[in-house]
Amino acid sequence: MSIESCRRAAAVSACVFLVAVSALPAHAAGPLKVAVLLPGSAADHGYNADGARAADALKKDLKADVKVIENVSVANQSDVYRQFAASGSDLVIGWGGQFTDGAMQVGQEFPKVKFLVVNSGASNGKNVASLDLDVENWEFIGGWVTAKLSKKGAIGWVGGQCFPATAANMHAVEEGAKYANPKIRVVSTFTGDFEDPIKAQQATQAMIEGGVDALTGNVNNGYFGIFKAARSNGNIPVVTEWIDNHELAPEVIVSSILKGQARFVVEVAKGAADGSFKGAHHQFKLPANWGPVMAKTDKLPKDIYDGSLKLQDDIVKGKVKPAHNEACPK
């Protein structure tokens, strides 16, 4: 349908998108315009905060003009993608695999805009790309540490939604825990919501009542519910993710799995600035120069911290090879 015929058509909404798509240029001179869609608040000091740090890295390393949009509803993701694609963004980043469907849909409507979904495996060979980590390399170590913190031989893992990246997280924690203690019992659950602390607290409380005495997980603002349950049951140790955020709940957070993604996002986003962007999936391993995977705190015993460094070195050198398992529980 041409623009002229579109004007004559009754399908006005389709015309609007055709005109918008036709008017959008490829990246021109000037700063790269980027929108980062976060599923929750960057004040979570975790996954959403990692997205905000990636935005800062894009500003610093690529001199990009970056807008961060917090608390984007998964149900409304297509409309939000559309809004920023139509308003001149060169690159729109969905922060989380839960934003895959919207990117694939809106990517077809705006072929000259680039889309990147973090922690997803999606791509369309054209303008939709994704990136993910070999998350098992980080989470295996986190599971090992969590198991070492357990005195009863039972740990709990609380997740949000299950898709390939989060399933890989869960299975790697279990594998790492069993590497530390073959007899360990690992209790895992998905609450269905990364951001809801009440659901996370309820799930955590049920695990504790079932005998779990060390905790980790893969939620965002939901972690605040885990902290509350851990505190109200005698300060059960918790291992968090993304950054050292033990000041959020110093009485229970013993360590954090340090796996920020800013450097990887910048690497992929460079293609949107220099014209080399491909609608492909980008997978990143644990780099040898990463630094410690586990945060060192006063509550983490030295022997466990030192053991985590040794395990990290073994993984980087290929002496220990955590499995990658994307299967969601049935």
C-alpha atoms as a PDB file:
ATOM      1  CA  MET A   1       0.000   0.000   0.000  1.00  0.00           C
ATOM      2  CA  SER A   2       1.494   3.367  -1.022  1.00  0.00           C
ATOM      3  CA  ILE A   3       1.129   6.479   1.099  1.00  0.00           C
ATOM      4  CA  GLU A   4      -1.276   7.914  -1.464  1.00  0.00           C
ATOM      5  CA  SER A   5      -3.482   4.838  -1.501  1.00  0.00           C
ATOM      6  CA  CYS A   6      -3.210   4.721   2.261  1.00  0.00           C
ATOM      7  CA  ARG A   7      -4.848   8.153   2.386  1.00  0.00           C
ATOM      8  CA  ARG A   8      -7.799   6.774   0.469  1.00  0.00           C
ATOM      9  CA  ALA A   9      -8.109   3.657   2.628  1.00  0.00           C
ATOM     10  CA  ALA A  10     -10.482   3.246   5.518  1.00  0.00           C
ATOM     11  CA  ALA A  11      -7.815   1.615   7.710  1.00  0.00           C
ATOM     12  CA  VAL A  12      -6.637   4.891   9.219  1.00  0.00           C
ATOM     13  CA  SER A  13      -4.485   3.298  11.950  1.00  0.00           C
ATOM     14  CA  ALA A  14      -2.603   1.260   9.362  1.00  0.00           C
ATOM     15  CA  CYS A  15      -1.972   4.489   7.410  1.00  0.00           C
ATOM     16  CA  VAL A  16      -0.576   6.204  10.472  1.00  0.00           C
ATOM     17  CA  PHE A  17       1.990   3.451  10.944  1.00  0.00           C
ATOM     18  CA  LEU A  18       2.880   3.352   7.237  1.00  0.00           C
ATOM     19  CA  VAL A  19       3.500   7.098   7.168  1.00  0.00           C
ATOM     20  CA  ALA A  20       5.479   6.912  10.425  1.00  0.00           C
ATOM     21  CA  VAL A  21       7.637   4.083   9.122  1.00  0.00           C
ATOM     22  CA  SER A  22       8.240   5.821   5.798  1.00  0.00           C
ATOM     23  CA  ALA A  23       9.279   9.023   7.533  1.00  0.00           C
ATOM     24  CA  LEU A  24      11.774   7.450   9.904  1.00  0.00           C
ATOM     25  CA  PRO A  25      15.341   7.859   8.614  1.00  0.00           C
ATOM     26  CA  ALA A  26      18.278   5.601   9.256  1.00  0.00           C
ATOM     27  CA  HIS A  27      20.574   6.912  11.993  1.00  0.00           C
ATOM     28  CA  ALA A  28      21.746  10.335  10.903  1.00  0.00           C
ATOM     29  CA  ALA A  29      24.572  12.536  12.142  1.00  0.00           C
ATOM     30  CA  GLY A  30      24.296  13.494  15.775  1.00  0.00           C
ATOM     31  CA  PRO A  31      23.976  11.465  18.963  1.00  0.00           C
ATOM     32  CA  LEU A  32      22.429   8.019  18.876  1.00  0.00           C
ATOM     33  CA  LYS A  33      18.912   8.259  20.309  1.00  0.00           C
ATOM     34  CA  VAL A  34      18.138   5.367  22.630  1.00  0.00           C
ATOM     35  CA  ALA A  35      15.140   4.429  24.792  1.00  0.00           C
ATOM     36  CA  VAL A  36      15.550   1.833  27.559  1.00  0.00           C
ATOM     37  CA  LEU A  37      12.324   0.208  28.789  1.00  0.00           C
ATOM     38  CA  LEU A  38      12.568  -1.128  32.341  1.00  0.00           C
ATOM     39  CA  PRO A  39       9.965  -3.487  33.846  1.00  0.00           C
ATOM     40  CA  GLY A  40      10.234  -1.879  37.271  1.00  0.00           C
ATOM     41  CA  SER A  41      11.888   0.865  39.278  1.00  0.00           C
ATOM     42  CA  ALA A  42      15.621   1.493  39.013  1.00  0.00           C
ATOM     43  CA  ALA A  43      15.508   1.930  42.791  1.00  0.00           C
ATOM     44  CA  ASP A  44      15.485  -1.865  43.161  1.00  0.00           C
ATOM     45  CA  HIS A  45      19.308  -1.829  43.362  1.00  0.00           C
ATOM     46  CA  GLY A  46      19.228  -4.933  41.194  1.00  0.00           C
ATOM     47  CA  TYR A  47      18.021  -5.829  37.708  1.00  0.00           C
ATOM     48  CA  ASN A  48      16.288  -2.545  36.887  1.00  0.00           C
ATOM     49  CA  ALA A  49      19.194  -0.603  38.349  1.00  0.00           C
ATOM     50  CA  ASP A  50      21.452  -2.580  36.040  1.00  0.00           C
ATOM     51  CA  GLY A  51      19.395  -1.264  33.129  1.00  0.00           C
ATOM     52  CA  ALA A  52      19.896   2.293  34.386  1.00  0.00           C
ATOM     53  CA  ARG A  53      23.646   1.641  34.623  1.00  0.00           C
ATOM     54  CA  ALA A  54      23.609   0.397  31.032  1.00  0.00           C
ATOM     55  CA  ALA A  55      21.921   3.667  30.042  1.00  0.00           C
ATOM     56  CA  ASP A  56      24.678   5.608  31.800  1.00  0.00           C
ATOM     57  CA  ALA A  57      27.305   3.556  29.956  1.00  0.00           C
ATOM     58  CA  LEU A  58      25.629   4.331  26.616  1.00  0.00           C
ATOM     59  CA  LYS A  59      25.781   8.028  27.440  1.00  0.00           C
ATOM     60  CA  LYS A  60      29.414   7.849  28.511  1.00  0.00           C
ATOM     61  CA  ASP A  61      30.871   5.466  25.925  1.00  0.00           C
ATOM     62  CA  LEU A  62      28.740   6.284  22.864  1.00  0.00           C
ATOM     63  CA  LYS A  63      27.704   9.857  23.759  1.00  0.00           C
ATOM     64  CA  ALA A  64      24.148   8.680  23.171  1.00  0.00           C
ATOM     65  CA  ASP A  65      20.973  10.587  23.990  1.00  0.00           C
ATOM     66  CA  VAL A  66      19.269   8.077  26.286  1.00  0.00           C
ATOM     67  CA  LYS A  67      15.824   8.026  27.858  1.00  0.00           C
ATOM     68  CA  VAL A  68      15.026   5.526  30.609  1.00  0.00           C
ATOM     69  CA  ILE A  69      11.369   4.553  31.038  1.00  0.00           C
ATOM     70  CA  GLU A  70      10.612   2.781  34.309  1.00  0.00           C
ATOM     71  CA  ASN A  71       7.715   0.521  35.303  1.00  0.00           C
ATOM     72  CA  VAL A  72       6.751  -0.478  31.773  1.00  0.00           C
ATOM     73  CA  SER A  73       3.892  -2.962  31.950  1.00  0.00           C
ATOM     74  CA  VAL A  74       4.594  -6.160  30.060  1.00  0.00           C
ATOM     75  CA  ALA A  75       0.984  -6.123  28.846  1.00  0.00           C
ATOM     76  CA  ASN A  76       1.497  -2.643  27.316  1.00  0.00           C
ATOM     77  CA  GLN A  77       4.980  -3.230  25.936  1.00  0.00           C
ATOM     78  CA  SER A  78       4.021  -3.005  22.248  1.00  0.00           C
ATOM     79  CA  ASP A  79       2.431   0.406  22.715  1.00  0.00           C
ATOM     80  CA  VAL A  80       5.510   1.705  24.538  1.00  0.00           C
ATOM     81  CA  TYR A  81       7.882   0.301  21.919  1.00  0.00           C
ATOM     82  CA  ARG A  82       5.705   1.943  19.269  1.00  0.00           C
ATOM     83  CA  GLN A  83       5.712   5.291  21.063  1.00  0.00           C
ATOM     84  CA  PHE A  84       9.489   5.581  21.102  1.00  0.00           C
ATOM     85  CA  ALA A  85      10.012   4.063  17.668  1.00  0.00           C
ATOM     86  CA  ALA A  86       7.642   6.643  16.183  1.00  0.00           C
ATOM     87  CA  SER A  87       9.168   9.566  18.095  1.00  0.00           C
ATOM     88  CA  GLY A  88      12.643   9.278  16.559  1.00  0.00           C
ATOM     89  CA  SER A  89      14.551   6.704  18.604  1.00  0.00           C
ATOM     90  CA  ASP A  90      17.325   4.961  16.693  1.00  0.00           C
ATOM     91  CA  LEU A  91      17.458   2.074  19.172  1.00  0.00           C
ATOM     92  CA  VAL A  92      14.830   0.836  21.646  1.00  0.00           C
ATOM     93  CA  ILE A  93      16.020  -1.582  24.332  1.00  0.00           C
ATOM     94  CA  GLY A  94      13.644  -3.913  26.180  1.00  0.00           C
ATOM     95  CA  TRP A  95      15.227  -4.752  29.524  1.00  0.00           C
ATOM     96  CA  GLY A  96      14.251  -8.375  30.019  1.00  0.00           C
ATOM     97  CA  GLY A  97      13.107 -11.419  28.084  1.00  0.00           C
ATOM     98  CA  GLN A  98       9.514 -10.550  28.981  1.00  0.00           C
ATOM     99  CA  PHE A  99       9.792  -7.746  26.393  1.00  0.00           C
ATOM    100  CA  THR A 100      10.549 -10.091  23.487  1.00  0.00           C
ATOM    101  CA  ASP A 101       7.068 -10.287  21.955  1.00  0.00           C
ATOM    102  CA  GLY A 102       6.682  -6.522  21.709  1.00  0.00           C
ATOM    103  CA  ALA A 103      10.049  -6.077  20.019  1.00  0.00           C
ATOM    104  CA  MET A 104       9.289  -8.751  17.436  1.00  0.00           C
ATOM    105  CA  GLN A 105       5.898  -7.219  16.646  1.00  0.00           C
ATOM    106  CA  VAL A 106       6.872  -3.559  16.544  1.00  0.00           C
ATOM    107  CA  GLY A 107      10.147  -4.358  14.787  1.00  0.00           C
ATOM    108  CA  GLN A 108       8.087  -5.346  11.754  1.00  0.00           C
ATOM    109  CA  GLU A 109       6.161  -2.081  11.851  1.00  0.00           C
ATOM    110  CA  PHE A 110       9.298   0.077  12.106  1.00  0.00           C
ATOM    111  CA  PRO A 111      11.971  -1.603   9.965  1.00  0.00           C
ATOM    112  CA  LYS A 112      14.320   1.402  10.119  1.00  0.00           C
ATOM    113  CA  VAL A 113      14.424   1.444  13.928  1.00  0.00           C
ATOM    114  CA  LYS A 114      16.719  -0.959  15.781  1.00  0.00           C
ATOM    115  CA  PHE A 115      15.447  -3.047  18.707  1.00  0.00           C
ATOM    116  CA  LEU A 116      17.476  -4.911  21.321  1.00  0.00           C
ATOM    117  CA  VAL A 117      16.046  -7.274  23.940  1.00  0.00           C
ATOM    118  CA  VAL A 118      18.286  -8.058  26.901  1.00  0.00           C
ATOM    119  CA  ASN A 119      18.248 -11.593  28.330  1.00  0.00           C
ATOM    120  CA  SER A 120      16.431 -13.003  25.339  1.00  0.00           C
ATOM    121  CA  GLY A 121      17.306 -15.217  22.404  1.00  0.00           C
ATOM    122  CA  ALA A 122      15.073 -13.491  19.859  1.00  0.00           C
ATOM    123  CA  SER A 123      16.156 -11.993  16.525  1.00  0.00           C
ATOM    124  CA  ASN A 124      14.654 -11.432  13.096  1.00  0.00           C
ATOM    125  CA  GLY A 125      17.754 -11.187  10.915  1.00  0.00           C
ATOM    126  CA  LYS A 126      17.011  -7.520  10.232  1.00  0.00           C
ATOM    127  CA  ASN A 127      16.423  -4.948  12.949  1.00  0.00           C
ATOM    128  CA  VAL A 128      15.643  -6.954  16.106  1.00  0.00           C
ATOM    129  CA  ALA A 129      18.589  -8.292  18.089  1.00  0.00           C
ATOM    130  CA  SER A 130      19.036  -9.776  21.532  1.00  0.00           C
ATOM    131  CA  LEU A 131      21.794 -10.452  23.985  1.00  0.00           C
ATOM    132  CA  ASP A 132      22.259 -12.787  26.888  1.00  0.00           C
ATOM    133  CA  LEU A 133      24.977 -14.057  29.158  1.00  0.00           C
ATOM    134  CA  ASP A 134      26.169 -17.583  29.637  1.00  0.00           C
ATOM    135  CA  VAL A 135      24.329 -16.982  32.878  1.00  0.00           C
ATOM    136  CA  GLU A 136      25.151 -20.443  34.160  1.00  0.00           C
ATOM    137  CA  ASN A 137      28.775 -19.369  34.684  1.00  0.00           C
ATOM    138  CA  TRP A 138      27.715 -16.680  37.158  1.00  0.00           C
ATOM    139  CA  GLU A 139      24.757 -18.479  38.746  1.00  0.00           C
ATOM    140  CA  PHE A 140      26.646 -21.742  39.288  1.00  0.00           C
ATOM    141  CA  ILE A 141      28.994 -19.836  41.599  1.00  0.00           C
ATOM    142  CA  GLY A 142      26.051 -18.148  43.328  1.00  0.00           C
ATOM    143  CA  GLY A 143      24.401 -21.511  43.910  1.00  0.00           C
ATOM    144  CA  TRP A 144      27.659 -22.899  45.297  1.00  0.00           C
ATOM    145  CA  VAL A 145      27.938 -20.015  47.779  1.00  0.00           C
ATOM    146  CA  THR A 146      24.277 -20.281  48.819  1.00  0.00           C
ATOM    147  CA  ALA A 147      24.690 -24.000  49.504  1.00  0.00           C
ATOM    148  CA  LYS A 148      27.804 -23.338  51.577  1.00  0.00           C
ATOM    149  CA  LEU A 149      25.777 -20.916  53.715  1.00  0.00           C
ATOM    150  CA  SER A 150      23.127 -23.540  54.500  1.00  0.00           C
ATOM    151  CA  LYS A 151      23.438 -25.460  57.748  1.00  0.00           C
ATOM    152  CA  LYS A 152      20.385 -27.661  57.197  1.00  0.00           C
ATOM    153  CA  GLY A 153      21.240 -28.686  53.643  1.00  0.00           C
ATOM    154  CA  ALA A 154      18.283 -26.926  51.992  1.00  0.00           C
ATOM    155  CA  ILE A 155      18.259 -23.708  49.961  1.00  0.00           C
ATOM    156  CA  GLY A 156      15.508 -21.744  48.238  1.00  0.00           C
ATOM    157  CA  TRP A 157      15.398 -19.968  44.864  1.00  0.00           C
ATOM    158  CA  VAL A 158      12.579 -17.505  44.093  1.00  0.00           C
ATOM    159  CA  GLY A 159      12.013 -16.386  40.482  1.00  0.00           C
ATOM    160  CA  GLY A 160       9.572 -14.127  38.657  1.00  0.00           C
ATOM    161  CA  GLN A 161       8.494 -15.374  35.226  1.00  0.00           C
ATOM    162  CA  CYS A 162       9.918 -18.414  33.480  1.00  0.00           C
ATOM    163  CA  PHE A 163      11.461 -18.070  30.020  1.00  0.00           C
ATOM    164  CA  PRO A 164      14.763 -19.445  28.678  1.00  0.00           C
ATOM    165  CA  ALA A 165      17.097 -16.995  30.454  1.00  0.00           C
ATOM    166  CA  THR A 166      15.410 -17.324  33.853  1.00  0.00           C
ATOM    167  CA  ALA A 167      15.150 -21.094  33.565  1.00  0.00           C
ATOM    168  CA  ALA A 168      18.893 -21.205  32.876  1.00  0.00           C
ATOM    169  CA  ASN A 169      19.416 -19.108  36.012  1.00  0.00           C
ATOM    170  CA  MET A 170      17.401 -21.500  38.159  1.00  0.00           C
ATOM    171  CA  HIS A 171      19.047 -24.678  36.865  1.00  0.00           C
ATOM    172  CA  ALA A 172      22.558 -23.228  37.221  1.00  0.00           C
ATOM    173  CA  VAL A 173      21.925 -22.320  40.861  1.00  0.00           C
ATOM    174  CA  GLU A 174      20.769 -25.873  41.512  1.00  0.00           C
ATOM    175  CA  GLU A 175      23.794 -27.347  39.730  1.00  0.00           C
ATOM    176  CA  GLY A 176      26.211 -25.091  41.613  1.00  0.00           C
ATOM    177  CA  ALA A 177      24.560 -25.937  44.925  1.00  0.00           C
ATOM    178  CA  LYS A 178      24.925 -29.656  44.243  1.00  0.00           C
ATOM    179  CA  TYR A 179      28.550 -29.125  43.261  1.00  0.00           C
ATOM    180  CA  ALA A 180      29.038 -27.714  46.767  1.00  0.00           C
ATOM    181  CA  ASN A 181      26.966 -30.426  48.455  1.00  0.00           C
ATOM    182  CA  PRO A 182      25.657 -33.384  46.435  1.00  0.00           C
ATOM    183  CA  LYS A 183      23.001 -33.983  49.097  1.00  0.00           C
ATOM    184  CA  ILE A 184      21.648 -30.424  49.119  1.00  0.00           C
ATOM    185  CA  ARG A 185      17.913 -29.933  48.642  1.00  0.00           C
ATOM    186  CA  VAL A 186      17.017 -27.061  46.315  1.00  0.00           C
ATOM    187  CA  VAL A 187      13.475 -25.651  46.439  1.00  0.00           C
ATOM    188  CA  SER A 188      12.586 -23.343  43.555  1.00  0.00           C
ATOM    189  CA  THR A 189       9.471 -21.484  42.458  1.00  0.00           C
ATOM    190  CA  PHE A 190       8.275 -18.810  40.047  1.00  0.00           C
ATOM    191  CA  THR A 191       5.857 -16.274  41.507  1.00  0.00           C
ATOM    192  CA  GLY A 192       4.779 -14.969  38.082  1.00  0.00           C
ATOM    193  CA  ASP A 193       5.909 -11.416  38.859  1.00  0.00           C
ATOM    194  CA  PHE A 194       9.431  -9.981  39.120  1.00  0.00           C
ATOM    195  CA  GLU A 195       8.269  -6.765  40.787  1.00  0.00           C
ATOM    196  CA  ASP A 196       5.768  -7.912  43.441  1.00  0.00           C
ATOM    197  CA  PRO A 197       7.426  -8.164  46.889  1.00  0.00           C
ATOM    198  CA  ILE A 198       4.318  -9.642  48.533  1.00  0.00           C
ATOM    199  CA  LYS A 199       4.283 -12.661  46.211  1.00  0.00           C
ATOM    200  CA  ALA A 200       8.021 -13.119  46.758  1.00  0.00           C
ATOM    201  CA  GLN A 201       7.624 -12.867  50.517  1.00  0.00           C
ATOM    202  CA  GLN A 202       4.851 -15.459  50.560  1.00  0.00           C
ATOM    203  CA  ALA A 203       6.847 -17.867  48.416  1.00  0.00           C
ATOM    204  CA  THR A 204       9.932 -17.370  50.586  1.00  0.00           C
ATOM    205  CA  GLN A 205       7.994 -17.878  53.812  1.00  0.00           C
ATOM    206  CA  ALA A 206       6.623 -21.175  52.518  1.00  0.00           C
ATOM    207  CA  MET A 207      10.137 -22.338  51.685  1.00  0.00           C
ATOM    208  CA  ILE A 208      11.444 -21.389  55.118  1.00  0.00           C
ATOM    209  CA  GLU A 209       8.603 -23.252  56.797  1.00  0.00           C
ATOM    210  CA  GLY A 210       9.647 -26.242  54.681  1.00  0.00           C
ATOM    211  CA  GLY A 211      13.173 -26.225  56.079  1.00  0.00           C
ATOM    212  CA  VAL A 212      15.120 -23.885  53.776  1.00  0.00           C
ATOM    213  CA  ASP A 213      17.812 -21.873  55.590  1.00  0.00           C
ATOM    214  CA  ALA A 214      19.631 -20.021  52.782  1.00  0.00           C
ATOM    215  CA  LEU A 215      18.068 -18.049  49.922  1.00  0.00           C
ATOM    216  CA  THR A 216      18.744 -16.672  46.481  1.00  0.00           C
ATOM    217  CA  GLY A 217      16.631 -15.892  43.432  1.00  0.00           C
ATOM    218  CA  ASN A 218      15.908 -13.996  40.251  1.00  0.00           C
ATOM    219  CA  VAL A 219      13.415 -11.220  40.963  1.00  0.00           C
ATOM    220  CA  ASN A 220      13.664  -7.439  40.807  1.00  0.00           C
ATOM    221  CA  ASN A 221      11.733  -5.389  43.346  1.00  0.00           C
ATOM    222  CA  GLY A 222      10.430  -8.745  44.553  1.00  0.00           C
ATOM    223  CA  TYR A 223      13.690  -9.125  46.475  1.00  0.00           C
ATOM    224  CA  PHE A 224      12.334  -6.761  49.118  1.00  0.00           C
ATOM    225  CA  GLY A 225       9.795  -9.451  49.998  1.00  0.00           C
ATOM    226  CA  ILE A 226      12.565 -12.038  50.278  1.00  0.00           C
ATOM    227  CA  PHE A 227      14.466  -9.746  52.648  1.00  0.00           C
ATOM    228  CA  LYS A 228      11.383  -9.295  54.813  1.00  0.00           C
ATOM    229  CA  ALA A 229      10.771 -13.036  55.119  1.00  0.00           C
ATOM    230  CA  ALA A 230      14.459 -13.672  55.823  1.00  0.00           C
ATOM    231  CA  ARG A 231      14.528 -11.036  58.577  1.00  0.00           C
ATOM    232  CA  SER A 232      11.361 -12.274  60.257  1.00  0.00           C
ATOM    233  CA  ASN A 233      12.745 -15.796  60.476  1.00  0.00           C
ATOM    234  CA  GLY A 234      15.990 -15.173  62.304  1.00  0.00           C
ATOM    235  CA  ASN A 235      17.995 -13.365  59.602  1.00  0.00           C
ATOM    236  CA  ILE A 236      18.331 -16.203  57.114  1.00  0.00           C
ATOM    237  CA  PRO A 237      21.238 -15.529  54.702  1.00  0.00           C
ATOM    238  CA  VAL A 238      20.363 -14.196  51.238  1.00  0.00           C
ATOM    239  CA  VAL A 239      22.457 -14.049  48.071  1.00  0.00           C
ATOM    240  CA  THR A 240      21.244 -11.355  45.660  1.00  0.00           C
ATOM    241  CA  GLU A 241      22.170 -10.463  42.059  1.00  0.00           C
ATOM    242  CA  TRP A 242      23.648  -7.831  39.732  1.00  0.00           C
ATOM    243  CA  ILE A 243      25.491  -5.515  42.126  1.00  0.00           C
ATOM    244  CA  ASP A 244      26.742  -5.482  45.703  1.00  0.00           C
ATOM    245  CA  ASN A 245      23.537  -4.244  47.326  1.00  0.00           C
ATOM    246  CA  HIS A 246      24.043  -5.600  50.845  1.00  0.00           C
ATOM    247  CA  GLU A 247      23.293  -2.183  52.351  1.00  0.00           C
ATOM    248  CA  LEU A 248      19.633  -2.704  51.386  1.00  0.00           C
ATOM    249  CA  ALA A 249      19.314  -5.352  54.100  1.00  0.00           C
ATOM    250  CA  PRO A 250      22.725  -5.765  55.769  1.00  0.00           C
ATOM    251  CA  GLU A 251      21.381  -8.136  58.389  1.00  0.00           C
ATOM    252  CA  VAL A 252      20.469 -10.785  55.780  1.00  0.00           C
ATOM    253  CA  ILE A 253      22.338 -10.093  52.500  1.00  0.00           C
ATOM    254  CA  VAL A 254      25.557 -12.062  52.723  1.00  0.00           C
ATOM    255  CA  SER A 255      26.757 -11.635  49.132  1.00  0.00           C
ATOM    256  CA  SER A 256      25.630 -10.737  45.614  1.00  0.00           C
ATOM    257  CA  ILE A 257      26.270 -12.287  42.194  1.00  0.00           C
ATOM    258  CA  LEU A 258      27.985  -9.511  40.235  1.00  0.00           C
ATOM    259  CA  LYS A 259      26.868  -9.851  36.621  1.00  0.00           C
ATOM    260  CA  GLY A 260      26.102  -6.346  35.316  1.00  0.00           C
ATOM    261  CA  GLN A 261      25.435  -6.169  31.580  1.00  0.00           C
ATOM    262  CA  ALA A 262      26.362  -2.583  30.681  1.00  0.00           C
ATOM    263  CA  ARG A 263      29.571  -3.469  28.831  1.00  0.00           C
ATOM    264  CA  PHE A 264      27.741  -6.017  26.684  1.00  0.00           C
ATOM    265  CA  VAL A 265      24.880  -3.646  25.867  1.00  0.00           C
ATOM    266  CA  VAL A 266      27.353  -0.982  24.734  1.00  0.00           C
ATOM    267  CA  GLU A 267      29.107  -3.506  22.496  1.00  0.00           C
ATOM    268  CA  VAL A 268      25.862  -4.389  20.684  1.00  0.00           C
ATOM    269  CA  ALA A 269      24.572  -0.805  20.614  1.00  0.00           C
ATOM    270  CA  LYS A 270      27.704   0.394  18.794  1.00  0.00           C
ATOM    271  CA  GLY A 271      26.266  -1.248  15.694  1.00  0.00           C
ATOM    272  CA  ALA A 272      23.250   1.059  15.774  1.00  0.00           C
ATOM    273  CA  ALA A 273      25.610   4.037  15.690  1.00  0.00           C
ATOM    274  CA  ASP A 274      28.083   2.886  13.033  1.00  0.00           C
ATOM    275  CA  GLY A 275      25.682   1.006  10.742  1.00  0.00           C
ATOM    276  CA  SER A 276      26.919  -2.490  11.538  1.00  0.00           C
ATOM    277  CA  PHE A 277      23.864  -3.501  13.605  1.00  0.00           C
ATOM    278  CA  LYS A 278      22.539  -6.958  12.760  1.00  0.00           C
ATOM    279  CA  GLY A 279      19.275  -8.576  13.768  1.00  0.00           C
ATOM    280  CA  ALA A 280      21.130 -11.381  15.505  1.00  0.00           C
ATOM    281  CA  HIS A 281      21.523 -12.932  18.921  1.00  0.00           C
ATOM    282  CA  HIS A 282      24.678 -12.088  20.899  1.00  0.00           C
ATOM    283  CA  GLN A 283      25.852 -14.467  23.623  1.00  0.00           C
ATOM    284  CA  PHE A 284      28.526 -13.449  26.136  1.00  0.00           C
ATOM    285  CA  LYS A 285      30.735 -15.661  28.285  1.00  0.00           C
ATOM    286  CA  LEU A 286      32.201 -14.862  31.693  1.00  0.00           C
ATOM    287  CA  PRO A 287      35.300 -12.808  30.778  1.00  0.00           C
ATOM    288  CA  ALA A 288      38.658 -13.616  32.331  1.00  0.00           C
ATOM    289  CA  ASN A 289      39.031  -9.950  33.347  1.00  0.00           C
ATOM    290  CA  TRP A 290      35.595  -9.728  34.959  1.00  0.00           C
ATOM    291  CA  GLY A 291      36.725  -9.341  38.558  1.00  0.00           C
ATOM    292  CA  PRO A 292      35.147 -11.334  41.380  1.00  0.00           C
ATOM    293  CA  VAL A 293      31.715 -12.777  40.627  1.00  0.00           C
ATOM    294  CA  MET A 294      30.743 -12.800  44.290  1.00  0.00           C
ATOM    295  CA  ALA A 295      30.656  -9.627  46.377  1.00  0.00           C
ATOM    296  CA  LYS A 296      32.769  -9.701  49.518  1.00  0.00           C
ATOM    297  CA  THR A 297      30.965  -8.566  52.666  1.00  0.00           C
ATOM    298  CA  ASP A 298      31.601  -8.833  56.396  1.00  0.00           C
ATOM    299  CA  LYS A 299      28.939 -11.541  56.621  1.00  0.00           C
ATOM    300  CA  LEU A 300      30.509 -13.814  53.992  1.00  0.00           C
ATOM    301  CA  PRO A 301      33.009 -16.214  55.582  1.00  0.00           C
ATOM    302  CA  LYS A 302      36.504 -15.888  54.127  1.00  0.00           C
ATOM    303  CA  ASP A 303      36.784 -19.561  53.249  1.00  0.00           C
ATOM    304  CA  ILE A 304      33.571 -19.399  51.209  1.00  0.00           C
ATOM    305  CA  TYR A 305      34.661 -16.224  49.427  1.00  0.00           C
ATOM    306  CA  ASP A 306      38.075 -17.696  48.628  1.00  0.00           C
ATOM    307  CA  GLY A 307      36.394 -20.874  47.422  1.00  0.00           C
ATOM    308  CA  SER A 308      34.175 -18.843  45.085  1.00  0.00           C
ATOM    309  CA  LEU A 309      37.257 -17.196  43.539  1.00  0.00           C
ATOM    310  CA  LYS A 310      38.833 -20.609  42.948  1.00  0.00           C
ATOM    311  CA  LEU A 311      35.618 -21.904  41.391  1.00  0.00           C
ATOM    312  CA  GLN A 312      35.383 -18.817  39.173  1.00  0.00           C
ATOM    313  CA  ASP A 313      38.934 -19.387  37.939  1.00  0.00           C
ATOM    314  CA  ASP A 314      38.130 -23.032  37.202  1.00  0.00           C
ATOM    315  CA  ILE A 315      35.086 -21.997  35.154  1.00  0.00           C
ATOM    316  CA  VAL A 316      37.008 -19.379  33.157  1.00  0.00           C
ATOM    317  CA  LYS A 317      39.748 -21.947  32.422  1.00  0.00           C
ATOM    318  CA  GLY A 318      37.195 -24.600  31.441  1.00  0.00           C
ATOM    319  CA  LYS A 319      38.031 -26.965  34.298  1.00  0.00           C
ATOM    320  CA  VAL A 320      34.423 -26.703  35.493  1.00  0.00           C
ATOM    321  CA  LYS A 321      31.733 -26.450  32.818  1.00  0.00           C
ATOM    322  CA  PRO A 322      28.270 -25.542  34.119  1.00  0.00           C
ATOM    323  CA  ALA A 323      25.432 -26.849  31.949  1.00  0.00           C
ATOM    324  CA  HIS A 324      23.050 -24.533  30.089  1.00  0.00           C
ATOM    325  CA  ASN A 325      19.449 -25.645  30.643  1.00  0.00           C
ATOM    326  CA  GLU A 326      16.561 -23.479  29.417  1.00  0.00           C
ATOM    327  CA  ALA A 327      13.729 -25.835  30.345  1.00  0.00           C
ATOM    328  CA  CYS A 328      10.927 -24.327  32.395  1.00  0.00           C
ATOM    329  CA  PRO A 329       9.238 -26.522  35.013  1.00  0.00           C
ATOM    330  CA  LYS A 330       6.169 -28.314  33.678  1.00  0.00           C
END
